[in-house]
Amino acid sequence: MLHMQHNADPAAIELIACAAGTLRRASRSLTRLYDAHLSRAGLTTTQFSILRTLQRRGGRMPLARLADDLVFERTSFYRALRPLRRAGLVSVRTGADRRAREVALTAKARPRIARAMPHWVAAQRSVLHRFGPASWPQFAERLADITAIARAAHAE
């Protein structure tokens, strides 16, 4: 996990590139690359991520947990689900405990995911080829650390 030095010189901190700005630029650039590939299957990167997360979790899960796993604010997540619902790829209904809503893949989603997968693989290969496949796992862990730091700070 990343450790922050609380006694770091404030003047030095100001000279370091903004973490949020740097990561947002990288994220937007990567999203554009993946979107270009996934558009061939009629999906965006966000939509594919939602569908794949559901698929990996057995095809259904509580809406709040899915939004949290994907680091979405609840209102943004509802907006992201809207086109998937209109396309008949997911359903949203009351869950087993009657208080929570549940998101589930529909039968239409599985062939769409399968059709999108080769395009995602092409985007992934393109990035890893340039980044270095051996370097990616450690970098991905560091990014997960940043996500955990931000979540912990937000919870405080």
N, C-alpha and C. Protein backbone atom coordinates (compact mmCIF):
# COMPACT_ATOMS: atom_id res chain seq x y z
N MET A 1 0.84 -1.18 0.00
CA MET A 1 0.00 0.00 0.00
C MET A 1 0.88 1.24 0.00
N LEU A 2 0.41 2.31 -0.61
CA LEU A 2 1.14 3.56 -0.65
C LEU A 2 1.11 4.22 0.71
N HIS A 3 2.21 4.83 1.10
CA HIS A 3 2.29 5.53 2.37
C HIS A 3 2.60 6.98 2.10
N MET A 4 1.89 7.85 2.77
CA MET A 4 2.04 9.27 2.57
C MET A 4 2.89 9.85 3.69
N GLN A 5 3.83 10.69 3.32
CA GLN A 5 4.63 11.37 4.33
C GLN A 5 3.88 12.62 4.74
N HIS A 6 3.48 12.68 5.99
CA HIS A 6 2.71 13.82 6.47
C HIS A 6 3.59 15.03 6.70
N ASN A 7 4.90 14.83 6.81
CA ASN A 7 5.79 15.95 7.06
C ASN A 7 6.48 16.45 5.79
N ALA A 8 5.94 16.08 4.63
CA ALA A 8 6.54 16.50 3.36
C ALA A 8 6.47 18.02 3.25
N ASP A 9 7.50 18.59 2.65
CA ASP A 9 7.60 20.04 2.46
C ASP A 9 6.47 20.53 1.56
N PRO A 10 5.61 21.44 2.05
CA PRO A 10 4.49 21.93 1.23
C PRO A 10 4.94 22.53 -0.10
N ALA A 11 6.06 23.20 -0.13
CA ALA A 11 6.55 23.79 -1.38
C ALA A 11 6.90 22.68 -2.38
N ALA A 12 7.47 21.59 -1.88
CA ALA A 12 7.82 20.47 -2.76
C ALA A 12 6.56 19.80 -3.30
N ILE A 13 5.55 19.68 -2.47
CA ILE A 13 4.29 19.06 -2.89
C ILE A 13 3.67 19.85 -4.04
N GLU A 14 3.74 21.16 -3.97
CA GLU A 14 3.16 22.01 -5.01
C GLU A 14 3.87 21.84 -6.35
N LEU A 15 5.10 21.38 -6.34
CA LEU A 15 5.86 21.20 -7.58
C LEU A 15 5.58 19.86 -8.26
N ILE A 16 4.97 18.95 -7.52
CA ILE A 16 4.66 17.63 -8.06
C ILE A 16 3.35 17.72 -8.85
N ALA A 17 3.31 17.05 -10.00
CA ALA A 17 2.10 17.06 -10.83
C ALA A 17 0.90 16.58 -10.01
N CYS A 18 -0.21 17.25 -10.19
CA CYS A 18 -1.45 16.90 -9.46
C CYS A 18 -1.83 15.45 -9.76
N ALA A 19 -1.99 14.67 -8.70
CA ALA A 19 -2.34 13.26 -8.86
C ALA A 19 -3.69 13.12 -9.55
N ALA A 20 -4.68 13.91 -9.14
CA ALA A 20 -6.02 13.80 -9.72
C ALA A 20 -5.98 14.18 -11.20
N GLY A 21 -5.34 15.28 -11.53
CA GLY A 21 -5.28 15.71 -12.93
C GLY A 21 -4.54 14.72 -13.81
N THR A 22 -3.43 14.22 -13.31
CA THR A 22 -2.63 13.26 -14.08
C THR A 22 -3.43 11.98 -14.33
N LEU A 23 -4.07 11.46 -13.28
CA LEU A 23 -4.84 10.23 -13.44
C LEU A 23 -6.08 10.44 -14.30
N ARG A 24 -6.73 11.60 -14.20
CA ARG A 24 -7.91 11.88 -15.03
C ARG A 24 -7.54 11.94 -16.51
N ARG A 25 -6.40 12.59 -16.83
CA ARG A 25 -5.96 12.64 -18.23
C ARG A 25 -5.67 11.23 -18.75
N ALA A 26 -4.98 10.44 -17.95
CA ALA A 26 -4.68 9.07 -18.35
C ALA A 26 -5.97 8.26 -18.52
N SER A 27 -6.89 8.42 -17.58
CA SER A 27 -8.15 7.69 -17.63
C SER A 27 -8.97 8.08 -18.87
N ARG A 28 -9.07 9.37 -19.14
CA ARG A 28 -9.84 9.81 -20.32
C ARG A 28 -9.20 9.29 -21.60
N SER A 29 -7.88 9.31 -21.67
CA SER A 29 -7.18 8.83 -22.86
C SER A 29 -7.40 7.33 -23.06
N LEU A 30 -7.27 6.57 -21.99
CA LEU A 30 -7.51 5.12 -22.07
C LEU A 30 -8.96 4.82 -22.42
N THR A 31 -9.87 5.56 -21.84
CA THR A 31 -11.29 5.35 -22.13
C THR A 31 -11.56 5.58 -23.60
N ARG A 32 -10.98 6.62 -24.18
CA ARG A 32 -11.17 6.88 -25.62
C ARG A 32 -10.66 5.71 -26.45
N LEU A 33 -9.49 5.18 -26.08
CA LEU A 33 -8.92 4.05 -26.82
C LEU A 33 -9.84 2.82 -26.74
N TYR A 34 -10.27 2.47 -25.52
CA TYR A 34 -11.14 1.30 -25.34
C TYR A 34 -12.51 1.54 -25.98
N ASP A 35 -13.03 2.77 -25.86
CA ASP A 35 -14.31 3.08 -26.51
C ASP A 35 -14.25 2.89 -28.01
N ALA A 36 -13.13 3.29 -28.62
CA ALA A 36 -12.99 3.13 -30.07
C ALA A 36 -13.08 1.65 -30.46
N HIS A 37 -12.47 0.80 -29.67
CA HIS A 37 -12.52 -0.65 -29.93
C HIS A 37 -13.90 -1.22 -29.65
N LEU A 38 -14.45 -0.89 -28.48
CA LEU A 38 -15.72 -1.49 -28.05
C LEU A 38 -16.92 -0.97 -28.83
N SER A 39 -16.78 0.20 -29.45
CA SER A 39 -17.90 0.73 -30.24
C SER A 39 -18.27 -0.21 -31.37
N ARG A 40 -17.34 -1.02 -31.81
CA ARG A 40 -17.62 -2.00 -32.87
C ARG A 40 -18.64 -3.05 -32.42
N ALA A 41 -18.78 -3.18 -31.10
CA ALA A 41 -19.78 -4.11 -30.55
C ALA A 41 -20.96 -3.33 -29.96
N GLY A 42 -20.98 -2.03 -30.19
CA GLY A 42 -22.09 -1.21 -29.72
C GLY A 42 -22.08 -0.92 -28.23
N LEU A 43 -20.89 -0.92 -27.62
CA LEU A 43 -20.78 -0.65 -26.19
C LEU A 43 -19.73 0.42 -25.92
N THR A 44 -19.85 1.05 -24.77
CA THR A 44 -18.79 1.94 -24.29
C THR A 44 -17.96 1.17 -23.26
N THR A 45 -16.85 1.74 -22.88
CA THR A 45 -16.00 1.12 -21.87
C THR A 45 -16.77 0.96 -20.56
N THR A 46 -17.51 2.00 -20.17
CA THR A 46 -18.29 1.93 -18.93
C THR A 46 -19.33 0.83 -19.00
N GLN A 47 -20.05 0.74 -20.10
CA GLN A 47 -21.07 -0.30 -20.24
C GLN A 47 -20.45 -1.69 -20.19
N PHE A 48 -19.33 -1.86 -20.90
CA PHE A 48 -18.65 -3.16 -20.89
C PHE A 48 -18.19 -3.52 -19.49
N SER A 49 -17.68 -2.54 -18.77
CA SER A 49 -17.22 -2.78 -17.40
C SER A 49 -18.36 -3.23 -16.51
N ILE A 50 -19.51 -2.60 -16.63
CA ILE A 50 -20.68 -3.00 -15.84
C ILE A 50 -21.09 -4.43 -16.19
N LEU A 51 -21.20 -4.71 -17.47
CA LEU A 51 -21.62 -6.05 -17.91
C LEU A 51 -20.63 -7.12 -17.46
N ARG A 52 -19.33 -6.86 -17.62
CA ARG A 52 -18.32 -7.86 -17.23
C ARG A 52 -18.30 -8.07 -15.72
N THR A 53 -18.47 -6.99 -14.95
CA THR A 53 -18.50 -7.14 -13.50
C THR A 53 -19.67 -8.02 -13.09
N LEU A 54 -20.83 -7.76 -13.68
CA LEU A 54 -21.99 -8.61 -13.39
C LEU A 54 -21.74 -10.06 -13.81
N GLN A 55 -21.15 -10.24 -14.97
CA GLN A 55 -20.87 -11.59 -15.46
C GLN A 55 -19.93 -12.33 -14.51
N ARG A 56 -18.88 -11.65 -14.06
CA ARG A 56 -17.92 -12.28 -13.14
C ARG A 56 -18.54 -12.59 -11.79
N ARG A 57 -19.59 -11.89 -11.40
CA ARG A 57 -20.24 -12.07 -10.10
C ARG A 57 -21.49 -12.93 -10.19
N GLY A 58 -21.58 -13.72 -11.23
CA GLY A 58 -22.70 -14.65 -11.34
C GLY A 58 -23.93 -14.11 -12.04
N GLY A 59 -23.84 -12.93 -12.62
CA GLY A 59 -24.94 -12.41 -13.42
C GLY A 59 -25.91 -11.48 -12.71
N ARG A 60 -25.77 -11.35 -11.41
CA ARG A 60 -26.66 -10.45 -10.66
C ARG A 60 -26.00 -10.03 -9.36
N MET A 61 -26.33 -8.84 -8.92
CA MET A 61 -25.84 -8.38 -7.62
C MET A 61 -26.60 -7.13 -7.19
N PRO A 62 -26.54 -6.81 -5.90
CA PRO A 62 -27.23 -5.61 -5.42
C PRO A 62 -26.68 -4.36 -6.11
N LEU A 63 -27.58 -3.47 -6.48
CA LEU A 63 -27.21 -2.26 -7.19
C LEU A 63 -26.19 -1.45 -6.40
N ALA A 64 -26.39 -1.27 -5.11
CA ALA A 64 -25.48 -0.47 -4.29
C ALA A 64 -24.07 -1.07 -4.28
N ARG A 65 -24.00 -2.38 -4.19
CA ARG A 65 -22.69 -3.04 -4.16
C ARG A 65 -21.99 -2.92 -5.52
N LEU A 66 -22.74 -3.07 -6.60
CA LEU A 66 -22.17 -2.93 -7.94
C LEU A 66 -21.65 -1.51 -8.15
N ALA A 67 -22.45 -0.52 -7.75
CA ALA A 67 -22.02 0.87 -7.87
C ALA A 67 -20.76 1.12 -7.06
N ASP A 68 -20.71 0.57 -5.85
CA ASP A 68 -19.54 0.74 -4.98
C ASP A 68 -18.32 0.06 -5.57
N ASP A 69 -18.49 -1.16 -6.06
CA ASP A 69 -17.37 -1.90 -6.66
C ASP A 69 -16.77 -1.14 -7.84
N LEU A 70 -17.63 -0.49 -8.61
CA LEU A 70 -17.17 0.24 -9.81
C LEU A 70 -16.86 1.71 -9.51
N VAL A 71 -16.95 2.09 -8.23
CA VAL A 71 -16.65 3.44 -7.75
C VAL A 71 -17.50 4.50 -8.47
N PHE A 72 -18.80 4.29 -8.42
CA PHE A 72 -19.78 5.21 -8.99
C PHE A 72 -20.57 5.88 -7.88
N GLU A 73 -20.89 7.14 -8.05
CA GLU A 73 -21.91 7.78 -7.21
C GLU A 73 -23.24 7.18 -7.66
N ARG A 74 -24.18 7.05 -6.77
CA ARG A 74 -25.44 6.39 -7.08
C ARG A 74 -26.17 7.01 -8.27
N THR A 75 -26.27 8.36 -8.33
CA THR A 75 -27.00 8.99 -9.43
C THR A 75 -26.29 8.79 -10.76
N SER A 76 -24.96 8.85 -10.75
CA SER A 76 -24.20 8.60 -11.98
C SER A 76 -24.38 7.16 -12.44
N PHE A 77 -24.47 6.27 -11.47
CA PHE A 77 -24.63 4.86 -11.82
C PHE A 77 -25.99 4.60 -12.47
N TYR A 78 -27.03 5.23 -11.96
CA TYR A 78 -28.36 5.09 -12.59
C TYR A 78 -28.31 5.58 -14.04
N ARG A 79 -27.61 6.70 -14.27
CA ARG A 79 -27.48 7.20 -15.64
C ARG A 79 -26.71 6.23 -16.51
N ALA A 80 -25.67 5.61 -15.97
CA ALA A 80 -24.87 4.64 -16.73
C ALA A 80 -25.68 3.38 -17.06
N LEU A 81 -26.60 3.01 -16.17
CA LEU A 81 -27.42 1.81 -16.40
C LEU A 81 -28.52 2.05 -17.43
N ARG A 82 -28.97 3.29 -17.56
CA ARG A 82 -30.11 3.59 -18.43
C ARG A 82 -29.98 3.02 -19.84
N PRO A 83 -28.86 3.26 -20.57
CA PRO A 83 -28.77 2.70 -21.93
C PRO A 83 -28.71 1.16 -21.94
N LEU A 84 -28.14 0.57 -20.90
CA LEU A 84 -28.10 -0.89 -20.82
C LEU A 84 -29.50 -1.46 -20.60
N ARG A 85 -30.29 -0.77 -19.82
CA ARG A 85 -31.68 -1.20 -19.61
C ARG A 85 -32.48 -1.03 -20.89
N ARG A 86 -32.32 0.12 -21.57
CA ARG A 86 -33.06 0.35 -22.82
C ARG A 86 -32.71 -0.69 -23.87
N ALA A 87 -31.43 -1.11 -23.90
CA ALA A 87 -30.99 -2.11 -24.87
C ALA A 87 -31.40 -3.53 -24.45
N GLY A 88 -31.97 -3.67 -23.27
CA GLY A 88 -32.41 -4.99 -22.81
C GLY A 88 -31.26 -5.87 -22.35
N LEU A 89 -30.14 -5.25 -21.95
CA LEU A 89 -28.97 -6.02 -21.53
C LEU A 89 -28.93 -6.27 -20.02
N VAL A 90 -29.59 -5.40 -19.25
CA VAL A 90 -29.69 -5.60 -17.81
C VAL A 90 -31.12 -5.30 -17.37
N SER A 91 -31.47 -5.88 -16.25
CA SER A 91 -32.75 -5.55 -15.60
C SER A 91 -32.43 -5.06 -14.20
N VAL A 92 -33.28 -4.20 -13.69
CA VAL A 92 -33.15 -3.71 -12.32
C VAL A 92 -34.48 -3.98 -11.64
N ARG A 93 -34.42 -4.68 -10.52
CA ARG A 93 -35.65 -5.00 -9.80
C ARG A 93 -35.40 -5.04 -8.31
N THR A 94 -36.45 -5.16 -7.56
CA THR A 94 -36.34 -5.25 -6.12
C THR A 94 -35.63 -6.55 -5.77
N GLY A 95 -34.71 -6.45 -4.84
CA GLY A 95 -33.93 -7.62 -4.44
C GLY A 95 -34.67 -8.51 -3.46
N ALA A 96 -33.98 -9.52 -2.98
CA ALA A 96 -34.56 -10.52 -2.09
C ALA A 96 -35.04 -9.91 -0.77
N ASP A 97 -34.32 -8.90 -0.25
CA ASP A 97 -34.73 -8.34 1.04
C ASP A 97 -35.75 -7.20 0.91
N ARG A 98 -36.21 -6.94 -0.30
CA ARG A 98 -37.28 -5.98 -0.59
C ARG A 98 -36.86 -4.52 -0.43
N ARG A 99 -35.73 -4.23 0.26
CA ARG A 99 -35.29 -2.85 0.42
C ARG A 99 -34.27 -2.47 -0.62
N ALA A 100 -33.47 -3.44 -1.04
CA ALA A 100 -32.38 -3.17 -1.98
C ALA A 100 -32.79 -3.54 -3.40
N ARG A 101 -32.28 -2.79 -4.34
CA ARG A 101 -32.52 -3.11 -5.75
C ARG A 101 -31.37 -3.97 -6.24
N GLU A 102 -31.66 -4.81 -7.23
CA GLU A 102 -30.69 -5.75 -7.76
C GLU A 102 -30.57 -5.54 -9.27
N VAL A 103 -29.34 -5.62 -9.78
CA VAL A 103 -29.09 -5.51 -11.22
C VAL A 103 -28.73 -6.91 -11.71
N ALA A 104 -29.32 -7.30 -12.84
CA ALA A 104 -29.06 -8.63 -13.38
C ALA A 104 -28.85 -8.55 -14.89
N LEU A 105 -27.97 -9.41 -15.38
CA LEU A 105 -27.79 -9.55 -16.82
C LEU A 105 -29.03 -10.23 -17.40
N THR A 106 -29.38 -9.88 -18.61
CA THR A 106 -30.46 -10.56 -19.31
C THR A 106 -29.84 -11.57 -20.28
N ALA A 107 -30.67 -12.38 -20.87
CA ALA A 107 -30.18 -13.36 -21.86
C ALA A 107 -29.52 -12.65 -23.05
N LYS A 108 -29.98 -11.45 -23.36
CA LYS A 108 -29.41 -10.67 -24.46
C LYS A 108 -27.98 -10.20 -24.17
N ALA A 109 -27.62 -10.10 -22.91
CA ALA A 109 -26.31 -9.55 -22.54
C ALA A 109 -25.16 -10.49 -22.88
N ARG A 110 -25.36 -11.76 -22.67
CA ARG A 110 -24.24 -12.71 -22.84
C ARG A 110 -23.68 -12.72 -24.26
N PRO A 111 -24.51 -12.77 -25.31
CA PRO A 111 -23.93 -12.71 -26.65
C PRO A 111 -23.28 -11.35 -26.96
N ARG A 112 -23.82 -10.27 -26.36
CA ARG A 112 -23.22 -8.96 -26.59
C ARG A 112 -21.84 -8.88 -25.93
N ILE A 113 -21.71 -9.44 -24.74
CA ILE A 113 -20.41 -9.48 -24.07
C ILE A 113 -19.44 -10.30 -24.91
N ALA A 114 -19.89 -11.45 -25.39
CA ALA A 114 -19.03 -12.31 -26.22
C ALA A 114 -18.59 -11.58 -27.49
N ARG A 115 -19.49 -10.82 -28.08
CA ARG A 115 -19.16 -10.07 -29.30
C ARG A 115 -18.17 -8.93 -29.00
N ALA A 116 -18.27 -8.35 -27.81
CA ALA A 116 -17.39 -7.24 -27.43
C ALA A 116 -16.01 -7.71 -26.96
N MET A 117 -15.93 -8.93 -26.45
CA MET A 117 -14.69 -9.41 -25.84
C MET A 117 -13.47 -9.31 -26.76
N PRO A 118 -13.54 -9.73 -28.02
CA PRO A 118 -12.35 -9.61 -28.87
C PRO A 118 -11.90 -8.15 -29.06
N HIS A 119 -12.85 -7.23 -29.04
CA HIS A 119 -12.50 -5.81 -29.19
C HIS A 119 -11.83 -5.29 -27.92
N TRP A 120 -12.31 -5.76 -26.77
CA TRP A 120 -11.66 -5.40 -25.51
C TRP A 120 -10.24 -5.98 -25.48
N VAL A 121 -10.11 -7.24 -25.90
CA VAL A 121 -8.79 -7.88 -25.91
C VAL A 121 -7.83 -7.10 -26.82
N ALA A 122 -8.31 -6.63 -27.96
CA ALA A 122 -7.46 -5.85 -28.87
C ALA A 122 -7.01 -4.56 -28.21
N ALA A 123 -7.90 -3.88 -27.51
CA ALA A 123 -7.53 -2.65 -26.80
C ALA A 123 -6.53 -2.96 -25.69
N GLN A 124 -6.80 -4.01 -24.94
CA GLN A 124 -5.92 -4.41 -23.84
C GLN A 124 -4.52 -4.75 -24.37
N ARG A 125 -4.46 -5.51 -25.45
CA ARG A 125 -3.16 -5.86 -26.03
C ARG A 125 -2.40 -4.63 -26.48
N SER A 126 -3.11 -3.69 -27.09
CA SER A 126 -2.50 -2.45 -27.56
C SER A 126 -1.85 -1.69 -26.41
N VAL A 127 -2.56 -1.58 -25.31
CA VAL A 127 -2.03 -0.86 -24.15
C VAL A 127 -0.86 -1.62 -23.54
N LEU A 128 -1.05 -2.91 -23.30
CA LEU A 128 0.00 -3.69 -22.64
C LEU A 128 1.25 -3.80 -23.52
N HIS A 129 1.07 -3.86 -24.83
CA HIS A 129 2.22 -3.92 -25.74
C HIS A 129 3.10 -2.68 -25.56
N ARG A 130 2.45 -1.53 -25.46
CA ARG A 130 3.20 -0.28 -25.31
C ARG A 130 3.70 -0.07 -23.88
N PHE A 131 2.91 -0.47 -22.90
CA PHE A 131 3.24 -0.25 -21.49
C PHE A 131 4.26 -1.26 -21.00
N GLY A 132 4.12 -2.47 -21.48
CA GLY A 132 4.96 -3.58 -21.02
C GLY A 132 4.14 -4.51 -20.16
N PRO A 133 3.81 -5.69 -20.69
CA PRO A 133 2.94 -6.61 -19.95
C PRO A 133 3.50 -7.03 -18.59
N ALA A 134 4.81 -7.07 -18.46
CA ALA A 134 5.40 -7.46 -17.18
C ALA A 134 5.25 -6.35 -16.13
N SER A 135 5.17 -5.11 -16.58
CA SER A 135 5.05 -3.98 -15.66
C SER A 135 3.63 -3.75 -15.19
N TRP A 136 2.65 -4.21 -15.97
CA TRP A 136 1.26 -3.87 -15.68
C TRP A 136 0.75 -4.39 -14.33
N PRO A 137 0.97 -5.64 -13.94
CA PRO A 137 0.38 -6.11 -12.68
C PRO A 137 0.78 -5.25 -11.47
N GLN A 138 2.03 -4.88 -11.36
CA GLN A 138 2.46 -4.06 -10.22
C GLN A 138 1.84 -2.66 -10.32
N PHE A 139 1.79 -2.10 -11.52
CA PHE A 139 1.18 -0.78 -11.70
C PHE A 139 -0.30 -0.83 -11.34
N ALA A 140 -0.99 -1.88 -11.75
CA ALA A 140 -2.41 -2.03 -11.44
C ALA A 140 -2.62 -2.11 -9.92
N GLU A 141 -1.71 -2.78 -9.22
CA GLU A 141 -1.80 -2.84 -7.76
C GLU A 141 -1.65 -1.45 -7.15
N ARG A 142 -0.73 -0.66 -7.68
CA ARG A 142 -0.53 0.70 -7.18
C ARG A 142 -1.77 1.55 -7.43
N LEU A 143 -2.40 1.38 -8.59
CA LEU A 143 -3.63 2.11 -8.87
C LEU A 143 -4.74 1.69 -7.90
N ALA A 144 -4.80 0.41 -7.57
CA ALA A 144 -5.78 -0.07 -6.58
C ALA A 144 -5.49 0.56 -5.22
N ASP A 145 -4.21 0.75 -4.90
CA ASP A 145 -3.85 1.45 -3.66
C ASP A 145 -4.39 2.88 -3.66
N ILE A 146 -4.27 3.55 -4.79
CA ILE A 146 -4.76 4.92 -4.90
C ILE A 146 -6.28 4.95 -4.71
N THR A 147 -6.97 3.98 -5.29
CA THR A 147 -8.43 3.88 -5.12
C THR A 147 -8.75 3.70 -3.64
N ALA A 148 -8.02 2.84 -2.96
CA ALA A 148 -8.25 2.59 -1.54
C ALA A 148 -7.97 3.85 -0.70
N ILE A 149 -6.91 4.58 -1.03
CA ILE A 149 -6.60 5.82 -0.32
C ILE A 149 -7.74 6.82 -0.47
N ALA A 150 -8.21 6.98 -1.70
CA ALA A 150 -9.29 7.94 -1.96
C ALA A 150 -10.58 7.52 -1.24
N ARG A 151 -10.89 6.22 -1.26
CA ARG A 151 -12.09 5.74 -0.57
C ARG A 151 -12.01 5.99 0.93
N ALA A 152 -10.83 5.72 1.51
CA ALA A 152 -10.65 5.91 2.94
C ALA A 152 -10.76 7.40 3.29
N ALA A 153 -10.18 8.26 2.49
CA ALA A 153 -10.25 9.70 2.75
C ALA A 153 -11.68 10.20 2.62
N HIS A 154 -12.41 9.66 1.66
CA HIS A 154 -13.82 10.06 1.45
C HIS A 154 -14.68 9.62 2.62
N ALA A 155 -14.36 8.46 3.18
CA ALA A 155 -15.15 7.92 4.29
C ALA A 155 -14.91 8.68 5.59
N GLU A 156 -13.78 9.35 5.69
CA GLU A 156 -13.45 10.07 6.95
C GLU A 156 -14.30 11.30 7.17
